[in-house]
C-alpha cells in the first residue's frame, strides 16, 4: 500500500452474534486500530446483528478488509473505498450464497464496467444472443449481489455511523 490515505465504510449487513467480536478483531487488524462497532439488530435476519463502520486508512485497505472477511459463513457485508490521489474507488460485496464481488467505482459510487466487458457483451448481441449480453452486463455490475443485499441495506436506515481516523 502507498502512503496516501483514503476512507470508506464497512457495512456489515448481517452477522451472527457470535461472529461480531471476530469481525471487529479482523477489521482492527487491517486498519491498525482497535475497532469497536455499534451493533444493532437486523430485523430481516433473526438472531443477526448489523453495523456500519467508517474508516480512514492507507489506499488499498478496502481490499484488505474484504479479504479478511470473505468466506465467513452467514456473513453479509459490503466494503467501500473512496477514490483518492492516483487510485480508483472500489466496492466489495459478499453474501454466503454468492461469495464476493468487486467493482471499480467513480467519485459518485457508480460501478465502472471495463471496456473489454462491454465489447464482449456487444459481441454476444451481434451473435444473436441479446439475453446472454444482458446476463454478462448484469454480472459486470454485480446485479445479483445488489438484489440479495437490498433488503438488508434498507433494514438499517437509522443505523449510527462512527468515523475511525488512523493515528500516527
N, C-alpha and C. Protein backbone atom coordinates (compact mmCIF):
# COMPACT_ATOMS: atom_id res chain seq x y z
N UNK A 1 0.84 -1.19 0.00
CA UNK A 1 0.00 0.00 0.00
C UNK A 1 0.88 1.24 0.00
N UNK A 2 0.43 2.27 -0.65
CA UNK A 2 1.18 3.51 -0.70
C UNK A 2 0.94 4.32 0.57
N UNK A 3 1.60 5.46 0.67
CA UNK A 3 1.45 6.31 1.84
C UNK A 3 0.19 7.15 1.83
N UNK A 4 -0.50 7.25 0.69
CA UNK A 4 -1.72 8.05 0.61
C UNK A 4 -2.84 7.39 1.38
N UNK A 5 -3.72 8.21 1.93
CA UNK A 5 -4.84 7.66 2.67
C UNK A 5 -6.14 7.87 1.91
N UNK A 6 -7.10 7.09 2.29
CA UNK A 6 -8.44 7.20 1.75
C UNK A 6 -9.39 6.84 2.88
N UNK A 7 -10.66 6.87 2.58
CA UNK A 7 -11.63 6.43 3.58
C UNK A 7 -12.71 5.61 2.91
N UNK A 8 -13.47 4.98 3.74
CA UNK A 8 -14.54 4.13 3.25
C UNK A 8 -15.44 3.71 4.38
N UNK A 9 -16.31 2.77 4.07
CA UNK A 9 -17.25 2.27 5.06
C UNK A 9 -17.32 0.76 4.94
N UNK A 10 -17.33 0.11 6.08
CA UNK A 10 -17.61 -1.32 6.15
C UNK A 10 -19.06 -1.44 6.62
N UNK A 11 -19.90 -2.00 5.76
CA UNK A 11 -21.31 -2.25 6.09
C UNK A 11 -21.44 -3.74 6.39
N UNK A 12 -21.65 -4.08 7.64
CA UNK A 12 -21.95 -5.47 7.98
C UNK A 12 -23.47 -5.55 7.98
N UNK A 13 -24.02 -6.18 6.95
CA UNK A 13 -25.48 -6.22 6.81
C UNK A 13 -26.12 -7.26 7.71
N UNK A 14 -25.46 -8.39 7.91
CA UNK A 14 -25.97 -9.38 8.85
C UNK A 14 -24.83 -10.30 9.26
N UNK A 15 -24.76 -10.51 10.58
CA UNK A 15 -23.75 -11.39 11.14
C UNK A 15 -24.32 -12.03 12.40
N UNK A 16 -24.09 -13.33 12.59
CA UNK A 16 -24.49 -13.95 13.85
C UNK A 16 -23.78 -13.28 15.02
N UNK A 17 -24.45 -13.18 16.15
CA UNK A 17 -23.89 -12.51 17.33
C UNK A 17 -22.50 -13.06 17.68
N UNK A 18 -22.32 -14.36 17.59
CA UNK A 18 -21.05 -14.98 17.97
C UNK A 18 -19.90 -14.54 17.06
N UNK A 19 -20.20 -14.08 15.87
CA UNK A 19 -19.16 -13.68 14.92
C UNK A 19 -18.72 -12.22 15.09
N UNK A 20 -19.52 -11.42 15.80
CA UNK A 20 -19.25 -9.98 15.86
C UNK A 20 -17.89 -9.62 16.45
N UNK A 21 -17.42 -10.25 17.54
CA UNK A 21 -16.09 -9.86 18.02
C UNK A 21 -14.98 -10.22 17.03
N UNK A 22 -15.17 -11.28 16.27
CA UNK A 22 -14.18 -11.68 15.27
C UNK A 22 -14.12 -10.68 14.12
N UNK A 23 -15.28 -10.13 13.76
CA UNK A 23 -15.33 -9.10 12.70
C UNK A 23 -14.59 -7.85 13.17
N UNK A 24 -14.85 -7.42 14.40
CA UNK A 24 -14.16 -6.26 14.95
C UNK A 24 -12.65 -6.50 15.01
N UNK A 25 -12.25 -7.67 15.42
CA UNK A 25 -10.83 -8.01 15.51
C UNK A 25 -10.19 -7.98 14.12
N UNK A 26 -10.86 -8.57 13.13
CA UNK A 26 -10.32 -8.61 11.77
C UNK A 26 -10.20 -7.20 11.20
N UNK A 27 -11.24 -6.38 11.37
CA UNK A 27 -11.20 -5.01 10.86
C UNK A 27 -10.11 -4.20 11.56
N UNK A 28 -10.01 -4.33 12.85
CA UNK A 28 -8.97 -3.63 13.59
C UNK A 28 -7.57 -4.04 13.16
N UNK A 29 -7.40 -5.32 12.88
CA UNK A 29 -6.11 -5.81 12.42
C UNK A 29 -5.71 -5.21 11.08
N UNK A 30 -6.67 -5.09 10.18
CA UNK A 30 -6.40 -4.49 8.87
C UNK A 30 -6.12 -3.00 9.01
N UNK A 31 -6.91 -2.32 9.82
CA UNK A 31 -6.82 -0.86 9.92
C UNK A 31 -5.76 -0.39 10.92
N UNK A 32 -5.24 -1.31 11.73
CA UNK A 32 -4.19 -0.96 12.67
C UNK A 32 -4.68 -0.21 13.90
N UNK A 33 -5.94 -0.39 14.24
CA UNK A 33 -6.52 0.26 15.42
C UNK A 33 -7.48 -0.72 16.08
N UNK A 34 -7.88 -0.41 17.31
CA UNK A 34 -8.91 -1.21 17.96
C UNK A 34 -10.25 -0.79 17.38
N UNK A 35 -10.97 -1.75 16.83
CA UNK A 35 -12.27 -1.44 16.22
C UNK A 35 -13.39 -1.88 17.16
N UNK A 36 -14.31 -0.98 17.40
CA UNK A 36 -15.47 -1.27 18.23
C UNK A 36 -16.70 -0.77 17.48
N UNK A 37 -17.56 -1.70 17.10
CA UNK A 37 -18.72 -1.36 16.28
C UNK A 37 -19.94 -1.13 17.16
N UNK A 38 -20.87 -0.32 16.67
CA UNK A 38 -22.17 -0.14 17.30
C UNK A 38 -23.13 -1.12 16.64
N UNK A 39 -23.32 -2.28 17.26
CA UNK A 39 -24.15 -3.33 16.68
C UNK A 39 -25.62 -3.08 17.01
N UNK A 40 -26.47 -3.31 16.03
CA UNK A 40 -27.92 -3.23 16.22
C UNK A 40 -28.54 -4.48 15.61
N UNK A 41 -29.77 -4.75 15.99
CA UNK A 41 -30.45 -5.91 15.45
C UNK A 41 -30.70 -5.78 13.95
N UNK A 42 -30.68 -6.92 13.27
CA UNK A 42 -31.00 -6.95 11.84
C UNK A 42 -32.42 -7.53 11.73
N UNK A 43 -33.42 -6.68 11.51
CA UNK A 43 -34.81 -7.13 11.56
C UNK A 43 -35.17 -8.22 10.56
N UNK A 44 -34.46 -8.34 9.45
CA UNK A 44 -34.86 -9.36 8.48
C UNK A 44 -34.06 -10.64 8.57
N UNK A 45 -33.15 -10.72 9.55
CA UNK A 45 -32.39 -11.96 9.76
C UNK A 45 -32.38 -12.23 11.26
N UNK A 46 -33.32 -13.03 11.70
CA UNK A 46 -33.49 -13.29 13.12
C UNK A 46 -32.19 -13.80 13.75
N UNK A 47 -31.82 -13.20 14.87
CA UNK A 47 -30.62 -13.59 15.58
C UNK A 47 -29.35 -12.97 15.05
N UNK A 48 -29.46 -12.13 14.02
CA UNK A 48 -28.28 -11.49 13.44
C UNK A 48 -28.22 -10.02 13.81
N UNK A 49 -27.02 -9.47 13.73
CA UNK A 49 -26.79 -8.06 14.01
C UNK A 49 -26.21 -7.39 12.77
N UNK A 50 -26.24 -6.06 12.78
CA UNK A 50 -25.70 -5.27 11.69
C UNK A 50 -24.91 -4.10 12.27
N UNK A 51 -24.01 -3.54 11.47
CA UNK A 51 -23.24 -2.38 11.89
C UNK A 51 -22.69 -1.67 10.66
N UNK A 52 -22.41 -0.39 10.82
CA UNK A 52 -21.72 0.40 9.80
C UNK A 52 -20.50 1.00 10.48
N UNK A 53 -19.37 0.90 9.84
CA UNK A 53 -18.12 1.35 10.44
C UNK A 53 -17.33 2.16 9.41
N UNK A 54 -17.21 3.44 9.62
CA UNK A 54 -16.45 4.31 8.72
C UNK A 54 -14.99 4.29 9.14
N UNK A 55 -14.13 4.29 8.14
CA UNK A 55 -12.70 4.18 8.41
C UNK A 55 -11.90 5.13 7.52
N UNK A 56 -10.70 5.43 7.97
CA UNK A 56 -9.73 6.18 7.19
C UNK A 56 -8.41 5.47 7.37
N UNK A 57 -7.77 5.10 6.26
CA UNK A 57 -6.56 4.28 6.31
C UNK A 57 -5.84 4.38 4.97
N UNK A 58 -4.69 3.73 4.84
CA UNK A 58 -3.96 3.77 3.57
C UNK A 58 -4.78 3.20 2.40
N UNK A 59 -4.47 3.71 1.21
CA UNK A 59 -5.10 3.18 0.00
C UNK A 59 -4.93 1.66 -0.04
N UNK A 60 -5.97 0.98 -0.51
CA UNK A 60 -5.93 -0.47 -0.59
C UNK A 60 -6.51 -1.17 0.62
N UNK A 61 -6.85 -0.41 1.66
CA UNK A 61 -7.40 -1.02 2.87
C UNK A 61 -8.77 -1.64 2.64
N UNK A 62 -9.53 -1.12 1.68
CA UNK A 62 -10.83 -1.72 1.38
C UNK A 62 -10.67 -3.15 0.91
N UNK A 63 -9.72 -3.40 0.03
CA UNK A 63 -9.47 -4.75 -0.46
C UNK A 63 -9.01 -5.66 0.67
N UNK A 64 -8.18 -5.13 1.56
CA UNK A 64 -7.71 -5.93 2.69
C UNK A 64 -8.85 -6.28 3.65
N UNK A 65 -9.75 -5.32 3.88
CA UNK A 65 -10.92 -5.60 4.73
C UNK A 65 -11.78 -6.70 4.12
N UNK A 66 -12.07 -6.57 2.84
CA UNK A 66 -12.90 -7.57 2.17
C UNK A 66 -12.24 -8.94 2.21
N UNK A 67 -10.94 -8.99 2.00
CA UNK A 67 -10.23 -10.26 2.04
C UNK A 67 -10.25 -10.88 3.43
N UNK A 68 -10.16 -10.03 4.46
CA UNK A 68 -10.16 -10.53 5.83
C UNK A 68 -11.51 -11.13 6.22
N UNK A 69 -12.59 -10.66 5.58
CA UNK A 69 -13.94 -11.10 5.97
C UNK A 69 -14.58 -12.10 5.01
N UNK A 70 -14.07 -12.20 3.80
CA UNK A 70 -14.75 -13.02 2.80
C UNK A 70 -14.74 -14.50 3.21
N UNK A 71 -15.81 -15.16 2.85
CA UNK A 71 -15.90 -16.59 3.07
C UNK A 71 -16.42 -17.00 4.45
N UNK A 72 -16.67 -16.05 5.34
CA UNK A 72 -17.20 -16.43 6.65
C UNK A 72 -18.68 -16.78 6.49
N UNK A 73 -19.03 -17.93 6.97
CA UNK A 73 -20.41 -18.42 6.85
C UNK A 73 -21.38 -17.44 7.52
N UNK A 74 -22.51 -17.24 6.88
CA UNK A 74 -23.62 -16.44 7.41
C UNK A 74 -23.31 -14.96 7.52
N UNK A 75 -22.27 -14.47 6.84
CA UNK A 75 -21.90 -13.05 6.91
C UNK A 75 -22.23 -12.36 5.59
N UNK A 76 -22.98 -11.27 5.69
CA UNK A 76 -23.26 -10.42 4.53
C UNK A 76 -22.63 -9.07 4.80
N UNK A 77 -21.82 -8.59 3.87
CA UNK A 77 -21.17 -7.31 4.09
C UNK A 77 -20.85 -6.63 2.77
N UNK A 78 -20.57 -5.34 2.88
CA UNK A 78 -20.04 -4.55 1.78
C UNK A 78 -18.95 -3.65 2.33
N UNK A 79 -17.92 -3.46 1.53
CA UNK A 79 -16.85 -2.53 1.86
C UNK A 79 -16.77 -1.53 0.72
N UNK A 80 -16.71 -0.26 1.06
CA UNK A 80 -16.48 0.77 0.04
C UNK A 80 -15.17 1.46 0.36
N UNK A 81 -14.47 1.85 -0.70
CA UNK A 81 -13.27 2.68 -0.56
C UNK A 81 -13.40 3.81 -1.55
N UNK A 82 -13.30 5.04 -1.06
CA UNK A 82 -13.44 6.21 -1.93
C UNK A 82 -12.23 6.34 -2.84
N UNK A 83 -12.43 6.91 -4.03
CA UNK A 83 -11.27 7.22 -4.88
C UNK A 83 -10.37 8.20 -4.15
N UNK A 84 -9.08 8.10 -4.40
CA UNK A 84 -8.13 9.01 -3.76
C UNK A 84 -7.00 9.29 -4.74
N UNK A 85 -6.06 10.09 -4.34
CA UNK A 85 -4.96 10.51 -5.21
C UNK A 85 -4.35 9.33 -5.95
N UNK A 86 -4.59 9.26 -7.26
CA UNK A 86 -3.99 8.23 -8.09
C UNK A 86 -4.65 6.87 -8.03
N UNK A 87 -5.77 6.74 -7.33
CA UNK A 87 -6.44 5.43 -7.19
C UNK A 87 -7.94 5.56 -7.44
N UNK A 88 -8.49 4.56 -8.11
CA UNK A 88 -9.93 4.47 -8.27
C UNK A 88 -10.55 4.04 -6.95
N UNK A 89 -11.85 4.23 -6.85
CA UNK A 89 -12.58 3.73 -5.70
C UNK A 89 -12.93 2.27 -5.92
N UNK A 90 -13.51 1.66 -4.91
CA UNK A 90 -13.90 0.27 -5.05
C UNK A 90 -15.05 -0.09 -4.14
N UNK A 91 -15.74 -1.16 -4.53
CA UNK A 91 -16.81 -1.71 -3.70
C UNK A 91 -16.68 -3.22 -3.75
N UNK A 92 -16.73 -3.83 -2.58
CA UNK A 92 -16.70 -5.28 -2.44
C UNK A 92 -17.99 -5.68 -1.73
N UNK A 93 -18.72 -6.61 -2.32
CA UNK A 93 -19.97 -7.11 -1.74
C UNK A 93 -19.82 -8.60 -1.52
N UNK A 94 -20.35 -9.08 -0.40
CA UNK A 94 -20.25 -10.51 -0.08
C UNK A 94 -21.56 -11.02 0.49
N UNK A 95 -21.98 -12.18 -0.02
CA UNK A 95 -23.10 -12.91 0.57
C UNK A 95 -22.68 -14.37 0.69
N UNK A 96 -23.27 -15.10 1.63
CA UNK A 96 -22.91 -16.52 1.76
C UNK A 96 -23.21 -17.31 0.49
N UNK A 97 -24.29 -16.98 -0.19
CA UNK A 97 -24.69 -17.75 -1.38
C UNK A 97 -23.87 -17.41 -2.62
N UNK A 98 -23.46 -16.15 -2.76
CA UNK A 98 -22.80 -15.71 -3.99
C UNK A 98 -21.29 -15.54 -3.86
N UNK A 99 -20.78 -15.45 -2.65
CA UNK A 99 -19.37 -15.17 -2.47
C UNK A 99 -19.11 -13.68 -2.61
N UNK A 100 -17.93 -13.33 -3.14
CA UNK A 100 -17.53 -11.92 -3.17
C UNK A 100 -17.59 -11.35 -4.59
N UNK A 101 -17.94 -10.08 -4.67
CA UNK A 101 -17.97 -9.33 -5.92
C UNK A 101 -17.16 -8.07 -5.70
N UNK A 102 -16.36 -7.69 -6.70
CA UNK A 102 -15.60 -6.45 -6.63
C UNK A 102 -15.87 -5.62 -7.88
N UNK A 103 -15.97 -4.32 -7.69
CA UNK A 103 -16.12 -3.40 -8.82
C UNK A 103 -15.33 -2.13 -8.53
N UNK A 104 -14.78 -1.56 -9.57
CA UNK A 104 -14.17 -0.24 -9.50
C UNK A 104 -15.31 0.77 -9.52
N UNK A 105 -15.19 1.83 -8.72
CA UNK A 105 -16.24 2.85 -8.65
C UNK A 105 -15.67 4.23 -8.93
N UNK A 106 -16.57 5.12 -9.37
CA UNK A 106 -16.17 6.51 -9.61
C UNK A 106 -16.41 7.34 -8.35
N UNK A 107 -16.23 8.64 -8.44
CA UNK A 107 -16.37 9.51 -7.27
C UNK A 107 -17.79 9.53 -6.71
N UNK A 108 -18.77 9.10 -7.49
CA UNK A 108 -20.16 9.07 -7.04
C UNK A 108 -20.58 7.70 -6.56
N UNK A 109 -19.68 6.72 -6.61
CA UNK A 109 -20.00 5.36 -6.19
C UNK A 109 -20.56 4.49 -7.30
N UNK A 110 -20.60 5.00 -8.53
CA UNK A 110 -21.11 4.22 -9.66
C UNK A 110 -20.10 3.17 -10.07
N UNK A 111 -20.58 1.97 -10.37
CA UNK A 111 -19.72 0.89 -10.85
C UNK A 111 -19.22 1.23 -12.25
N UNK A 112 -17.94 1.06 -12.47
CA UNK A 112 -17.32 1.30 -13.77
C UNK A 112 -17.06 -0.05 -14.44
N UNK A 113 -17.70 -0.29 -15.56
CA UNK A 113 -17.55 -1.56 -16.28
C UNK A 113 -16.41 -1.40 -17.29
N UNK A 114 -15.40 -2.27 -17.23
CA UNK A 114 -14.27 -2.16 -18.16
C UNK A 114 -14.71 -2.33 -19.62
N UNK A 115 -14.00 -1.64 -20.49
CA UNK A 115 -14.30 -1.63 -21.91
C UNK A 115 -14.37 -3.04 -22.51
N UNK A 116 -13.46 -3.92 -22.12
CA UNK A 116 -13.46 -5.26 -22.71
C UNK A 116 -14.73 -6.05 -22.36
N UNK A 117 -15.29 -5.81 -21.18
CA UNK A 117 -16.54 -6.49 -20.81
C UNK A 117 -17.72 -5.95 -21.61
N UNK A 118 -17.73 -4.65 -21.86
CA UNK A 118 -18.79 -4.05 -22.68
C UNK A 118 -18.69 -4.58 -24.11
N UNK A 119 -17.47 -4.63 -24.65
CA UNK A 119 -17.28 -5.14 -26.01
C UNK A 119 -17.70 -6.61 -26.12
N UNK A 120 -17.37 -7.40 -25.11
CA UNK A 120 -17.77 -8.81 -25.12
C UNK A 120 -19.29 -8.95 -25.12
N UNK A 121 -19.97 -8.11 -24.35
CA UNK A 121 -21.44 -8.14 -24.34
C UNK A 121 -21.99 -7.71 -25.69
N UNK A 122 -21.37 -6.71 -26.32
CA UNK A 122 -21.82 -6.27 -27.64
C UNK A 122 -21.64 -7.40 -28.67
N UNK A 123 -20.57 -8.15 -28.55
CA UNK A 123 -20.35 -9.29 -29.45
C UNK A 123 -21.44 -10.33 -29.29
N UNK A 124 -21.91 -10.55 -28.06
CA UNK A 124 -23.00 -11.51 -27.84
C UNK A 124 -24.27 -11.06 -28.54
N UNK A 125 -24.53 -9.76 -28.53
CA UNK A 125 -25.70 -9.23 -29.23
C UNK A 125 -25.55 -9.46 -30.73
N UNK A 126 -24.38 -9.14 -31.26
CA UNK A 126 -24.13 -9.32 -32.70
C UNK A 126 -24.23 -10.78 -33.11
N UNK A 127 -23.93 -11.68 -32.19
CA UNK A 127 -24.02 -13.11 -32.47
C UNK A 127 -25.43 -13.65 -32.25
N UNK A 128 -26.37 -12.74 -32.00
CA UNK A 128 -27.78 -13.15 -31.91
C UNK A 128 -28.21 -13.61 -30.53
N UNK A 129 -27.49 -13.23 -29.49
CA UNK A 129 -27.86 -13.67 -28.14
C UNK A 129 -27.95 -12.48 -27.18
N UNK A 130 -28.98 -11.63 -27.37
CA UNK A 130 -29.09 -10.45 -26.51
C UNK A 130 -29.30 -10.80 -25.03
N UNK A 131 -29.94 -11.92 -24.75
CA UNK A 131 -30.14 -12.32 -23.35
C UNK A 131 -28.81 -12.65 -22.68
N UNK A 132 -27.91 -13.28 -23.40
CA UNK A 132 -26.57 -13.56 -22.86
C UNK A 132 -25.82 -12.25 -22.62
N UNK A 133 -26.02 -11.26 -23.47
CA UNK A 133 -25.39 -9.96 -23.28
C UNK A 133 -25.93 -9.29 -22.02
N UNK A 134 -27.23 -9.37 -21.82
CA UNK A 134 -27.84 -8.81 -20.60
C UNK A 134 -27.27 -9.49 -19.36
N UNK A 135 -27.14 -10.81 -19.39
CA UNK A 135 -26.58 -11.54 -18.25
C UNK A 135 -25.13 -11.14 -17.99
N UNK A 136 -24.35 -10.96 -19.06
CA UNK A 136 -22.95 -10.58 -18.91
C UNK A 136 -22.82 -9.20 -18.27
N UNK A 137 -23.66 -8.27 -18.69
CA UNK A 137 -23.62 -6.93 -18.11
C UNK A 137 -24.15 -6.92 -16.68
N UNK A 138 -25.16 -7.75 -16.41
CA UNK A 138 -25.68 -7.86 -15.04
C UNK A 138 -24.59 -8.38 -14.10
N UNK A 139 -23.81 -9.33 -14.56
CA UNK A 139 -22.71 -9.85 -13.77
C UNK A 139 -21.65 -8.76 -13.58
N UNK A 140 -21.37 -8.00 -14.62
CA UNK A 140 -20.33 -6.96 -14.55
C UNK A 140 -20.66 -5.87 -13.55
N UNK A 141 -21.94 -5.58 -13.33
CA UNK A 141 -22.31 -4.54 -12.37
C UNK A 141 -22.73 -5.11 -11.01
N UNK A 142 -22.68 -6.43 -10.85
CA UNK A 142 -22.99 -7.03 -9.55
C UNK A 142 -24.46 -7.07 -9.22
N UNK A 143 -25.29 -7.22 -10.24
CA UNK A 143 -26.75 -7.18 -10.05
C UNK A 143 -27.24 -8.22 -9.03
N UNK A 144 -26.73 -9.43 -9.09
CA UNK A 144 -27.19 -10.47 -8.17
C UNK A 144 -26.88 -10.11 -6.72
N UNK A 145 -25.71 -9.51 -6.47
CA UNK A 145 -25.34 -9.11 -5.12
C UNK A 145 -26.25 -7.97 -4.66
N UNK A 146 -26.49 -7.00 -5.55
CA UNK A 146 -27.39 -5.90 -5.19
C UNK A 146 -28.78 -6.41 -4.85
N UNK A 147 -29.29 -7.35 -5.64
CA UNK A 147 -30.63 -7.90 -5.38
C UNK A 147 -30.69 -8.59 -4.03
N UNK A 148 -29.67 -9.38 -3.71
CA UNK A 148 -29.68 -10.10 -2.44
C UNK A 148 -29.49 -9.17 -1.24
N UNK A 149 -28.69 -8.13 -1.39
CA UNK A 149 -28.37 -7.25 -0.26
C UNK A 149 -29.35 -6.10 -0.07
N UNK A 150 -30.16 -5.80 -1.06
CA UNK A 150 -31.02 -4.62 -1.00
C UNK A 150 -31.91 -4.58 0.25
N UNK A 151 -32.56 -5.68 0.57
CA UNK A 151 -33.42 -5.70 1.75
C UNK A 151 -32.61 -5.47 3.03
N UNK A 152 -31.40 -5.99 3.09
CA UNK A 152 -30.55 -5.81 4.26
C UNK A 152 -30.08 -4.36 4.38
N UNK A 153 -29.84 -3.71 3.26
CA UNK A 153 -29.42 -2.30 3.27
C UNK A 153 -30.52 -1.42 3.86
N UNK A 154 -31.74 -1.62 3.43
CA UNK A 154 -32.84 -0.77 3.90
C UNK A 154 -33.27 -1.09 5.31
N UNK A 155 -32.95 -2.24 5.81
CA UNK A 155 -33.35 -2.62 7.16
C UNK A 155 -32.65 -1.79 8.22
N UNK A 156 -31.57 -1.10 7.86
CA UNK A 156 -30.82 -0.33 8.85
C UNK A 156 -30.67 1.12 8.49
N UNK A 157 -31.68 1.73 7.93
CA UNK A 157 -31.56 3.13 7.51
C UNK A 157 -31.25 4.08 8.66
N UNK A 158 -31.59 3.72 9.89
CA UNK A 158 -31.34 4.61 11.03
C UNK A 158 -30.10 4.21 11.82
N UNK A 159 -29.24 3.40 11.25
CA UNK A 159 -28.05 2.93 11.94
C UNK A 159 -27.03 4.05 12.12
N UNK A 160 -26.46 4.19 13.34
CA UNK A 160 -25.45 5.23 13.53
C UNK A 160 -24.14 4.87 12.82
N UNK A 161 -23.37 5.89 12.45
CA UNK A 161 -22.09 5.70 11.79
C UNK A 161 -21.01 6.32 12.66
N UNK A 162 -19.90 5.61 12.85
CA UNK A 162 -18.77 6.13 13.61
C UNK A 162 -17.57 6.24 12.68
N UNK A 163 -16.90 7.41 12.68
CA UNK A 163 -15.71 7.62 11.86
C UNK A 163 -14.50 7.15 12.63
N UNK A 164 -13.61 6.46 11.94
CA UNK A 164 -12.35 6.00 12.52
C UNK A 164 -11.21 6.69 11.79
N UNK A 165 -10.35 7.35 12.53
CA UNK A 165 -9.20 8.03 11.93
C UNK A 165 -7.94 7.36 12.45
N UNK A 166 -7.09 6.94 11.55
CA UNK A 166 -5.85 6.30 11.94
C UNK A 166 -4.91 7.35 12.50
N UNK A 167 -4.30 7.05 13.63
CA UNK A 167 -3.40 7.98 14.30
C UNK A 167 -1.96 7.50 14.10
N UNK A 168 -1.08 8.45 13.89
CA UNK A 168 0.33 8.08 13.85
C UNK A 168 1.00 8.24 12.60
